Amino acid sequence: FAPALNHAGLGPDRVIYVEAGDEKALMACFEEGLRHGGLA
């Protein structure tokens, strides 16, 4: 629920959502995101 995140200070313009098909793909996205140095 994006409005709830906004209420906690995280605006929708700052969030990039990735929807993975399963847990294996989810972990791959998580790891790849952490290896990218340009994210908060």
PDB file of all heavy atoms in Angstrom:
ATOM      1  N   PHE A   1       0.860  -1.191   0.000  1.00  0.00           N
ATOM      2  CA  PHE A   1       0.000   0.000   0.000  1.00  0.00           C
ATOM      3  C   PHE A   1       0.893   1.237   0.000  1.00  0.00           C
ATOM      4  O   PHE A   1       1.422   1.652   1.034  1.00  0.00           O
ATOM      5  CB  PHE A   1      -0.910  -0.029   1.226  1.00  0.00           C
ATOM      6  CG  PHE A   1      -2.006   0.984   1.199  1.00  0.00           C
ATOM      7  CD1 PHE A   1      -2.855   1.100   0.104  1.00  0.00           C
ATOM      8  CD2 PHE A   1      -2.204   1.846   2.270  1.00  0.00           C
ATOM      9  CE1 PHE A   1      -3.879   2.039   0.086  1.00  0.00           C
ATOM     10  CE2 PHE A   1      -3.213   2.788   2.271  1.00  0.00           C
ATOM     11  CZ  PHE A   1      -4.058   2.886   1.167  1.00  0.00           C
ATOM     12  N   ALA A   2       1.070   1.833  -1.177  1.00  0.00           N
ATOM     13  CA  ALA A   2       1.994   2.961  -1.339  1.00  0.00           C
ATOM     14  C   ALA A   2       1.651   4.160  -0.449  1.00  0.00           C
ATOM     15  O   ALA A   2       2.567   4.799   0.082  1.00  0.00           O
ATOM     16  CB  ALA A   2       2.053   3.381  -2.807  1.00  0.00           C
ATOM     17  N   PRO A   3       0.366   4.530  -0.260  1.00  0.00           N
ATOM     18  CA  PRO A   3       0.073   5.663   0.630  1.00  0.00           C
ATOM     19  C   PRO A   3       0.571   5.455   2.059  1.00  0.00           C
ATOM     20  O   PRO A   3       0.955   6.406   2.741  1.00  0.00           O
ATOM     21  CB  PRO A   3      -1.459   5.758   0.583  1.00  0.00           C
ATOM     22  CG  PRO A   3      -1.817   5.206  -0.761  1.00  0.00           C
ATOM     23  CD  PRO A   3      -0.838   4.094  -0.983  1.00  0.00           C
ATOM     24  N   ALA A   4       0.577   4.215   2.538  1.00  0.00           N
ATOM     25  CA  ALA A   4       1.091   3.944   3.883  1.00  0.00           C
ATOM     26  C   ALA A   4       2.601   4.179   3.933  1.00  0.00           C
ATOM     27  O   ALA A   4       3.113   4.729   4.912  1.00  0.00           O
ATOM     28  CB  ALA A   4       0.763   2.512   4.290  1.00  0.00           C
ATOM     29  N   LEU A   5       3.323   3.771   2.889  1.00  0.00           N
ATOM     30  CA  LEU A   5       4.760   4.038   2.837  1.00  0.00           C
ATOM     31  C   LEU A   5       5.023   5.540   2.817  1.00  0.00           C
ATOM     32  O   LEU A   5       5.956   6.032   3.452  1.00  0.00           O
ATOM     33  CB  LEU A   5       5.386   3.384   1.609  1.00  0.00           C
ATOM     34  CG  LEU A   5       5.278   1.869   1.469  1.00  0.00           C
ATOM     35  CD1 LEU A   5       6.092   1.399   0.269  1.00  0.00           C
ATOM     36  CD2 LEU A   5       5.736   1.163   2.726  1.00  0.00           C
ATOM     37  N   ASN A   6       4.206   6.265   2.087  1.00  0.00           N
ATOM     38  CA  ASN A   6       4.340   7.717   2.021  1.00  0.00           C
ATOM     39  C   ASN A   6       4.138   8.338   3.401  1.00  0.00           C
ATOM     40  O   ASN A   6       4.818   9.297   3.786  1.00  0.00           O
ATOM     41  CB  ASN A   6       3.329   8.286   1.029  1.00  0.00           C
ATOM     42  CG  ASN A   6       3.553   9.754   0.749  1.00  0.00           C
ATOM     43  OD1 ASN A   6       4.677  10.188   0.495  1.00  0.00           O
ATOM     44  ND2 ASN A   6       2.486  10.536   0.796  1.00  0.00           N
ATOM     45  N   HIS A   7       3.212   7.785   4.166  1.00  0.00           N
ATOM     46  CA  HIS A   7       2.950   8.278   5.522  1.00  0.00           C
ATOM     47  C   HIS A   7       4.162   8.037   6.430  1.00  0.00           C
ATOM     48  O   HIS A   7       4.351   8.764   7.412  1.00  0.00           O
ATOM     49  CB  HIS A   7       1.723   7.569   6.100  1.00  0.00           C
ATOM     50  CG  HIS A   7       1.268   8.131   7.402  1.00  0.00           C
ATOM     51  ND1 HIS A   7       0.690   9.373   7.528  1.00  0.00           N
ATOM     52  CD2 HIS A   7       1.322   7.623   8.668  1.00  0.00           C
ATOM     53  CE1 HIS A   7       0.406   9.606   8.796  1.00  0.00           C
ATOM     54  NE2 HIS A   7       0.773   8.560   9.514  1.00  0.00           N
ATOM     55  N   ALA A   8       4.981   7.039   6.099  1.00  0.00           N
ATOM     56  CA  ALA A   8       6.195   6.755   6.863  1.00  0.00           C
ATOM     57  C   ALA A   8       7.414   7.456   6.278  1.00  0.00           C
ATOM     58  O   ALA A   8       8.551   7.150   6.657  1.00  0.00           O
ATOM     59  CB  ALA A   8       6.450   5.250   6.922  1.00  0.00           C
ATOM     60  N   GLY A   9       7.194   8.394   5.352  1.00  0.00           N
ATOM     61  CA  GLY A   9       8.286   9.195   4.818  1.00  0.00           C
ATOM     62  C   GLY A   9       8.849   8.746   3.492  1.00  0.00           C
ATOM     63  O   GLY A   9       9.733   9.402   2.941  1.00  0.00           O
ATOM     64  N   LEU A  10       8.369   7.614   2.957  1.00  0.00           N
ATOM     65  CA  LEU A  10       8.905   7.086   1.697  1.00  0.00           C
ATOM     66  C   LEU A  10       7.927   7.388   0.572  1.00  0.00           C
ATOM     67  O   LEU A  10       6.942   6.667   0.379  1.00  0.00           O
ATOM     68  CB  LEU A  10       9.147   5.578   1.822  1.00  0.00           C
ATOM     69  CG  LEU A  10       9.855   4.900   0.649  1.00  0.00           C
ATOM     70  CD1 LEU A  10      11.220   5.522   0.399  1.00  0.00           C
ATOM     71  CD2 LEU A  10      10.006   3.409   0.905  1.00  0.00           C
ATOM     72  N   GLY A  11       8.201   8.453  -0.159  1.00  0.00           N
ATOM     73  CA  GLY A  11       7.317   8.899  -1.232  1.00  0.00           C
ATOM     74  C   GLY A  11       7.302   7.950  -2.414  1.00  0.00           C
ATOM     75  O   GLY A  11       8.293   7.249  -2.677  1.00  0.00           O
ATOM     76  N   PRO A  12       6.187   7.899  -3.170  1.00  0.00           N
ATOM     77  CA  PRO A  12       6.068   6.962  -4.297  1.00  0.00           C
ATOM     78  C   PRO A  12       7.057   7.244  -5.421  1.00  0.00           C
ATOM     79  O   PRO A  12       7.387   6.343  -6.199  1.00  0.00           O
ATOM     80  CB  PRO A  12       4.620   7.167  -4.770  1.00  0.00           C
ATOM     81  CG  PRO A  12       4.240   8.526  -4.271  1.00  0.00           C
ATOM     82  CD  PRO A  12       4.971   8.699  -2.985  1.00  0.00           C
ATOM     83  N   ASP A  13       7.531   8.484  -5.520  1.00  0.00           N
ATOM     84  CA  ASP A  13       8.491   8.822  -6.571  1.00  0.00           C
ATOM     85  C   ASP A  13       9.883   8.259  -6.301  1.00  0.00           C
ATOM     86  O   ASP A  13      10.741   8.274  -7.186  1.00  0.00           O
ATOM     87  CB  ASP A  13       8.582  10.345  -6.740  1.00  0.00           C
ATOM     88  CG  ASP A  13       8.974  11.047  -5.439  1.00  0.00           C
ATOM     89  OD1 ASP A  13       8.578  10.567  -4.366  1.00  0.00           O
ATOM     90  OD2 ASP A  13       9.676  12.069  -5.513  1.00  0.00           O
ATOM     91  N   ARG A  14      10.092   7.733  -5.114  1.00  0.00           N
ATOM     92  CA  ARG A  14      11.412   7.199  -4.759  1.00  0.00           C
ATOM     93  C   ARG A  14      11.475   5.683  -4.844  1.00  0.00           C
ATOM     94  O   ARG A  14      12.558   5.101  -4.747  1.00  0.00           O
ATOM     95  CB  ARG A  14      11.790   7.633  -3.335  1.00  0.00           C
ATOM     96  CG  ARG A  14      12.037   9.123  -3.154  1.00  0.00           C
ATOM     97  CD  ARG A  14      12.598   9.382  -1.775  1.00  0.00           C
ATOM     98  NE  ARG A  14      13.772   8.546  -1.528  1.00  0.00           N
ATOM     99  CZ  ARG A  14      14.236   8.252  -0.319  1.00  0.00           C
ATOM    100  NH1 ARG A  14      13.608   8.697   0.754  1.00  0.00           N
ATOM    101  NH2 ARG A  14      15.308   7.503  -0.173  1.00  0.00           N
ATOM    102  N   VAL A  15      10.332   5.017  -5.009  1.00  0.00           N
ATOM    103  CA  VAL A  15      10.299   3.554  -4.908  1.00  0.00           C
ATOM    104  C   VAL A  15      10.220   2.909  -6.286  1.00  0.00           C
ATOM    105  O   VAL A  15       9.389   3.276  -7.127  1.00  0.00           O
ATOM    106  CB  VAL A  15       9.097   3.098  -4.049  1.00  0.00           C
ATOM    107  CG1 VAL A  15       9.136   1.584  -3.862  1.00  0.00           C
ATOM    108  CG2 VAL A  15       9.110   3.792  -2.692  1.00  0.00           C
ATOM    109  N   ILE A  16      11.093   1.937  -6.510  1.00  0.00           N
ATOM    110  CA  ILE A  16      11.063   1.102  -7.711  1.00  0.00           C
ATOM    111  C   ILE A  16      10.590  -0.284  -7.270  1.00  0.00           C
ATOM    112  O   ILE A  16      11.245  -0.953  -6.461  1.00  0.00           O
ATOM    113  CB  ILE A  16      12.455   0.981  -8.355  1.00  0.00           C
ATOM    114  CG1 ILE A  16      13.004   2.376  -8.692  1.00  0.00           C
ATOM    115  CG2 ILE A  16      12.403   0.103  -9.606  1.00  0.00           C
ATOM    116  CD1 ILE A  16      14.475   2.366  -9.080  1.00  0.00           C
ATOM    117  N   TYR A  17       9.429  -0.709  -7.767  1.00  0.00           N
ATOM    118  CA  TYR A  17       8.855  -1.989  -7.356  1.00  0.00           C
ATOM    119  C   TYR A  17       9.259  -3.078  -8.335  1.00  0.00           C
ATOM    120  O   TYR A  17       9.207  -2.902  -9.554  1.00  0.00           O
ATOM    121  CB  TYR A  17       7.328  -1.899  -7.303  1.00  0.00           C
ATOM    122  CG  TYR A  17       6.814  -0.876  -6.327  1.00  0.00           C
ATOM    123  CD1 TYR A  17       6.358   0.361  -6.768  1.00  0.00           C
ATOM    124  CD2 TYR A  17       6.784  -1.132  -4.963  1.00  0.00           C
ATOM    125  CE1 TYR A  17       5.890   1.325  -5.875  1.00  0.00           C
ATOM    126  CE2 TYR A  17       6.317  -0.186  -4.060  1.00  0.00           C
ATOM    127  CZ  TYR A  17       5.870   1.038  -4.528  1.00  0.00           C
ATOM    128  OH  TYR A  17       5.418   1.979  -3.641  1.00  0.00           O
ATOM    129  N   VAL A  18       9.654  -4.218  -7.787  1.00  0.00           N
ATOM    130  CA  VAL A  18       9.981  -5.394  -8.590  1.00  0.00           C
ATOM    131  C   VAL A  18       9.118  -6.543  -8.093  1.00  0.00           C
ATOM    132  O   VAL A  18       9.197  -6.921  -6.914  1.00  0.00           O
ATOM    133  CB  VAL A  18      11.466  -5.768  -8.471  1.00  0.00           C
ATOM    134  CG1 VAL A  18      11.737  -7.084  -9.186  1.00  0.00           C
ATOM    135  CG2 VAL A  18      12.343  -4.667  -9.040  1.00  0.00           C
ATOM    136  N   GLU A  19       8.274  -7.082  -8.962  1.00  0.00           N
ATOM    137  CA  GLU A  19       7.442  -8.222  -8.601  1.00  0.00           C
ATOM    138  C   GLU A  19       8.031  -9.487  -9.218  1.00  0.00           C
ATOM    139  O   GLU A  19       8.065  -9.637 -10.445  1.00  0.00           O
ATOM    140  CB  GLU A  19       6.002  -8.028  -9.078  1.00  0.00           C
ATOM    141  CG  GLU A  19       5.074  -9.147  -8.631  1.00  0.00           C
ATOM    142  CD  GLU A  19       3.638  -8.925  -9.076  1.00  0.00           C
ATOM    143  OE1 GLU A  19       3.304  -7.815  -9.534  1.00  0.00           O
ATOM    144  OE2 GLU A  19       2.848  -9.886  -8.982  1.00  0.00           O
ATOM    145  N   ALA A  20       8.528 -10.369  -8.371  1.00  0.00           N
ATOM    146  CA  ALA A  20       9.148 -11.613  -8.828  1.00  0.00           C
ATOM    147  C   ALA A  20       8.128 -12.737  -8.819  1.00  0.00           C
ATOM    148  O   ALA A  20       7.163 -12.726  -8.056  1.00  0.00           O
ATOM    149  CB  ALA A  20      10.324 -11.966  -7.933  1.00  0.00           C
ATOM    150  N   GLY A  21       8.369 -13.735  -9.654  1.00  0.00           N
ATOM    151  CA  GLY A  21       7.420 -14.830  -9.775  1.00  0.00           C
ATOM    152  C   GLY A  21       7.469 -15.840  -8.650  1.00  0.00           C
ATOM    153  O   GLY A  21       6.463 -16.474  -8.335  1.00  0.00           O
ATOM    154  N   ASP A  22       8.642 -15.994  -8.026  1.00  0.00           N
ATOM    155  CA  ASP A  22       8.780 -16.960  -6.933  1.00  0.00           C
ATOM    156  C   ASP A  22       9.925 -16.517  -6.030  1.00  0.00           C
ATOM    157  O   ASP A  22      10.603 -15.523  -6.285  1.00  0.00           O
ATOM    158  CB  ASP A  22       9.015 -18.369  -7.473  1.00  0.00           C
ATOM    159  CG  ASP A  22      10.178 -18.444  -8.455  1.00  0.00           C
ATOM    160  OD1 ASP A  22      11.188 -17.714  -8.253  1.00  0.00           O
ATOM    161  OD2 ASP A  22      10.105 -19.222  -9.416  1.00  0.00           O
ATOM    162  N   GLU A  23      10.159 -17.304  -4.956  1.00  0.00           N
ATOM    163  CA  GLU A  23      11.175 -16.930  -3.974  1.00  0.00           C
ATOM    164  C   GLU A  23      12.586 -16.949  -4.571  1.00  0.00           C
ATOM    165  O   GLU A  23      13.426 -16.124  -4.204  1.00  0.00           O
ATOM    166  CB  GLU A  23      11.107 -17.876  -2.769  1.00  0.00           C
ATOM    167  CG  GLU A  23       9.909 -17.653  -1.863  1.00  0.00           C
ATOM    168  CD  GLU A  23      10.060 -16.400  -1.003  1.00  0.00           C
ATOM    169  OE1 GLU A  23      11.202 -16.054  -0.633  1.00  0.00           O
ATOM    170  OE2 GLU A  23       9.032 -15.771  -0.700  1.00  0.00           O
ATOM    171  N   LYS A  24      12.854 -17.870  -5.481  1.00  0.00           N
ATOM    172  CA  LYS A  24      14.181 -17.940  -6.084  1.00  0.00           C
ATOM    173  C   LYS A  24      14.463 -16.672  -6.882  1.00  0.00           C
ATOM    174  O   LYS A  24      15.551 -16.071  -6.757  1.00  0.00           O
ATOM    175  CB  LYS A  24      14.286 -19.173  -6.979  1.00  0.00           C
ATOM    176  CG  LYS A  24      15.657 -19.362  -7.611  1.00  0.00           C
ATOM    177  CD  LYS A  24      15.724 -20.631  -8.445  1.00  0.00           C
ATOM    178  CE  LYS A  24      17.102 -20.792  -9.072  1.00  0.00           C
ATOM    179  NZ  LYS A  24      17.187 -22.042  -9.896  1.00  0.00           N
ATOM    180  N   ALA A  25      13.500 -16.255  -7.696  1.00  0.00           N
ATOM    181  CA  ALA A  25      13.671 -15.027  -8.473  1.00  0.00           C
ATOM    182  C   ALA A  25      13.738 -13.808  -7.550  1.00  0.00           C
ATOM    183  O   ALA A  25      14.459 -12.847  -7.816  1.00  0.00           O
ATOM    184  CB  ALA A  25      12.523 -14.873  -9.471  1.00  0.00           C
ATOM    185  N   LEU A  26      12.980 -13.866  -6.456  1.00  0.00           N
ATOM    186  CA  LEU A  26      12.979 -12.765  -5.498  1.00  0.00           C
ATOM    187  C   LEU A  26      14.367 -12.556  -4.905  1.00  0.00           C
ATOM    188  O   LEU A  26      14.865 -11.423  -4.808  1.00  0.00           O
ATOM    189  CB  LEU A  26      11.972 -13.067  -4.396  1.00  0.00           C
ATOM    190  CG  LEU A  26      11.692 -11.958  -3.390  1.00  0.00           C
ATOM    191  CD1 LEU A  26      10.879 -10.848  -4.024  1.00  0.00           C
ATOM    192  CD2 LEU A  26      10.956 -12.522  -2.175  1.00  0.00           C
ATOM    193  N   MET A  27      15.021 -13.653  -4.472  1.00  0.00           N
ATOM    194  CA  MET A  27      16.361 -13.551  -3.903  1.00  0.00           C
ATOM    195  C   MET A  27      17.371 -13.040  -4.931  1.00  0.00           C
ATOM    196  O   MET A  27      18.296 -12.285  -4.587  1.00  0.00           O
ATOM    197  CB  MET A  27      16.808 -14.915  -3.372  1.00  0.00           C
ATOM    198  CG  MET A  27      16.118 -15.372  -2.097  1.00  0.00           C
ATOM    199  SD  MET A  27      16.499 -14.326  -0.656  1.00  0.00           S
ATOM    200  CE  MET A  27      14.974 -13.391  -0.540  1.00  0.00           C
ATOM    201  N   ALA A  28      17.199 -13.434  -6.180  1.00  0.00           N
ATOM    202  CA  ALA A  28      18.098 -12.950  -7.232  1.00  0.00           C
ATOM    203  C   ALA A  28      17.959 -11.445  -7.413  1.00  0.00           C
ATOM    204  O   ALA A  28      18.955 -10.728  -7.565  1.00  0.00           O
ATOM    205  CB  ALA A  28      17.807 -13.685  -8.547  1.00  0.00           C
ATOM    206  N   CYS A  29      16.713 -10.950  -7.377  1.00  0.00           N
ATOM    207  CA  CYS A  29      16.482  -9.506  -7.499  1.00  0.00           C
ATOM    208  C   CYS A  29      17.056  -8.761  -6.293  1.00  0.00           C
ATOM    209  O   CYS A  29      17.631  -7.680  -6.438  1.00  0.00           O
ATOM    210  CB  CYS A  29      14.991  -9.230  -7.619  1.00  0.00           C
ATOM    211  SG  CYS A  29      14.232  -9.836  -9.142  1.00  0.00           S
ATOM    212  N   PHE A  30      16.876  -9.328  -5.117  1.00  0.00           N
ATOM    213  CA  PHE A  30      17.386  -8.734  -3.889  1.00  0.00           C
ATOM    214  C   PHE A  30      18.909  -8.587  -3.969  1.00  0.00           C
ATOM    215  O   PHE A  30      19.470  -7.515  -3.711  1.00  0.00           O
ATOM    216  CB  PHE A  30      16.979  -9.625  -2.709  1.00  0.00           C
ATOM    217  CG  PHE A  30      17.116  -8.999  -1.346  1.00  0.00           C
ATOM    218  CD1 PHE A  30      17.517  -7.678  -1.172  1.00  0.00           C
ATOM    219  CD2 PHE A  30      16.844  -9.758  -0.214  1.00  0.00           C
ATOM    220  CE1 PHE A  30      17.636  -7.117   0.097  1.00  0.00           C
ATOM    221  CE2 PHE A  30      16.959  -9.211   1.060  1.00  0.00           C
ATOM    222  CZ  PHE A  30      17.362  -7.892   1.211  1.00  0.00           C
ATOM    223  N   GLU A  31      19.573  -9.663  -4.330  1.00  0.00           N
ATOM    224  CA  GLU A  31      21.036  -9.643  -4.398  1.00  0.00           C
ATOM    225  C   GLU A  31      21.534  -8.683  -5.470  1.00  0.00           C
ATOM    226  O   GLU A  31      22.478  -7.909  -5.244  1.00  0.00           O
ATOM    227  CB  GLU A  31      21.559 -11.049  -4.663  1.00  0.00           C
ATOM    228  CG  GLU A  31      23.080 -11.127  -4.685  1.00  0.00           C
ATOM    229  CD  GLU A  31      23.589 -12.543  -4.912  1.00  0.00           C
ATOM    230  OE1 GLU A  31      22.799 -13.504  -4.775  1.00  0.00           O
ATOM    231  OE2 GLU A  31      24.793 -12.686  -5.224  1.00  0.00           O
ATOM    232  N   GLU A  32      20.892  -8.703  -6.630  1.00  0.00           N
ATOM    233  CA  GLU A  32      21.320  -7.821  -7.717  1.00  0.00           C
ATOM    234  C   GLU A  32      21.141  -6.359  -7.322  1.00  0.00           C
ATOM    235  O   GLU A  32      21.982  -5.503  -7.624  1.00  0.00           O
ATOM    236  CB  GLU A  32      20.530  -8.133  -8.989  1.00  0.00           C
ATOM    237  CG  GLU A  32      21.022  -7.404 -10.230  1.00  0.00           C
ATOM    238  CD  GLU A  32      22.440  -7.770 -10.619  1.00  0.00           C
ATOM    239  OE1 GLU A  32      22.873  -8.905 -10.313  1.00  0.00           O
ATOM    240  OE2 GLU A  32      23.128  -6.921 -11.230  1.00  0.00           O
ATOM    241  N   GLY A  33      20.038  -6.066  -6.621  1.00  0.00           N
ATOM    242  CA  GLY A  33      19.820  -4.699  -6.172  1.00  0.00           C
ATOM    243  C   GLY A  33      20.877  -4.246  -5.181  1.00  0.00           C
ATOM    244  O   GLY A  33      21.344  -3.104  -5.232  1.00  0.00           O
ATOM    245  N   LEU A  34      21.269  -5.135  -4.273  1.00  0.00           N
ATOM    246  CA  LEU A  34      22.288  -4.783  -3.294  1.00  0.00           C
ATOM    247  C   LEU A  34      23.648  -4.558  -3.936  1.00  0.00           C
ATOM    248  O   LEU A  34      24.463  -3.788  -3.427  1.00  0.00           O
ATOM    249  CB  LEU A  34      22.397  -5.886  -2.228  1.00  0.00           C
ATOM    250  CG  LEU A  34      21.253  -5.944  -1.218  1.00  0.00           C
ATOM    251  CD1 LEU A  34      21.406  -7.174  -0.325  1.00  0.00           C
ATOM    252  CD2 LEU A  34      21.207  -4.681  -0.370  1.00  0.00           C
ATOM    253  N   ARG A  35      23.914  -5.216  -5.032  1.00  0.00           N
ATOM    254  CA  ARG A  35      25.202  -5.043  -5.710  1.00  0.00           C
ATOM    255  C   ARG A  35      25.263  -3.719  -6.477  1.00  0.00           C
ATOM    256  O   ARG A  35      26.344  -3.266  -6.844  1.00  0.00           O
ATOM    257  CB  ARG A  35      25.469  -6.205  -6.667  1.00  0.00           C
ATOM    258  CG  ARG A  35      25.652  -7.526  -5.963  1.00  0.00           C
ATOM    259  CD  ARG A  35      26.161  -8.608  -6.886  1.00  0.00           C
ATOM    260  NE  ARG A  35      26.222  -9.897  -6.215  1.00  0.00           N
ATOM    261  CZ  ARG A  35      27.187 -10.257  -5.372  1.00  0.00           C
ATOM    262  NH1 ARG A  35      28.173  -9.423  -5.129  1.00  0.00           N
ATOM    263  NH2 ARG A  35      27.167 -11.441  -4.784  1.00  0.00           N
ATOM    264  N   HIS A  36      24.125  -3.106  -6.699  1.00  0.00           N
ATOM    265  CA  HIS A  36      24.070  -1.832  -7.416  1.00  0.00           C
ATOM    266  C   HIS A  36      24.307  -0.699  -6.425  1.00  0.00           C
ATOM    267  O   HIS A  36      23.606  -0.563  -5.432  1.00  0.00           O
ATOM    268  CB  HIS A  36      22.713  -1.676  -8.097  1.00  0.00           C
ATOM    269  CG  HIS A  36      22.596  -0.422  -8.910  1.00  0.00           C
ATOM    270  ND1 HIS A  36      23.291  -0.235 -10.080  1.00  0.00           N
ATOM    271  CD2 HIS A  36      21.878   0.703  -8.714  1.00  0.00           C
ATOM    272  CE1 HIS A  36      22.991   0.948 -10.586  1.00  0.00           C
ATOM    273  NE2 HIS A  36      22.137   1.549  -9.769  1.00  0.00           N
ATOM    274  N   GLY A  37      25.304   0.120  -6.670  1.00  0.00           N
ATOM    275  CA  GLY A  37      25.696   1.141  -5.695  1.00  0.00           C
ATOM    276  C   GLY A  37      24.887   2.416  -5.708  1.00  0.00           C
ATOM    277  O   GLY A  37      25.112   3.295  -4.883  1.00  0.00           O
ATOM    278  N   GLY A  38      23.919   2.566  -6.604  1.00  0.00           N
ATOM    279  CA  GLY A  38      23.209   3.835  -6.716  1.00  0.00           C
ATOM    280  C   GLY A  38      21.887   3.890  -5.986  1.00  0.00           C
ATOM    281  O   GLY A  38      21.066   4.769  -6.274  1.00  0.00           O
ATOM    282  N   LEU A  39      21.641   2.983  -5.042  1.00  0.00           N
ATOM    283  CA  LEU A  39      20.368   2.931  -4.343  1.00  0.00           C
ATOM    284  C   LEU A  39      20.527   3.360  -2.880  1.00  0.00           C
ATOM    285  O   LEU A  39      21.575   3.157  -2.267  1.00  0.00           O
ATOM    286  CB  LEU A  39      19.797   1.511  -4.378  1.00  0.00           C
ATOM    287  CG  LEU A  39      19.456   0.951  -5.765  1.00  0.00           C
ATOM    288  CD1 LEU A  39      19.155  -0.541  -5.660  1.00  0.00           C
ATOM    289  CD2 LEU A  39      18.265   1.684  -6.364  1.00  0.00           C
ATOM    290  N   ALA A  40      19.448   3.916  -2.326  1.00  0.00           N
ATOM    291  CA  ALA A  40      19.449   4.225  -0.897  1.00  0.00           C
ATOM    292  C   ALA A  40      19.380   2.937  -0.093  1.00  0.00           C
ATOM    293  O   ALA A  40      19.973   2.822   0.983  1.00  0.00           O
ATOM    294  CB  ALA A  40      18.264   5.127  -0.559  1.00  0.00           C
TER     295      ALA A  40
END
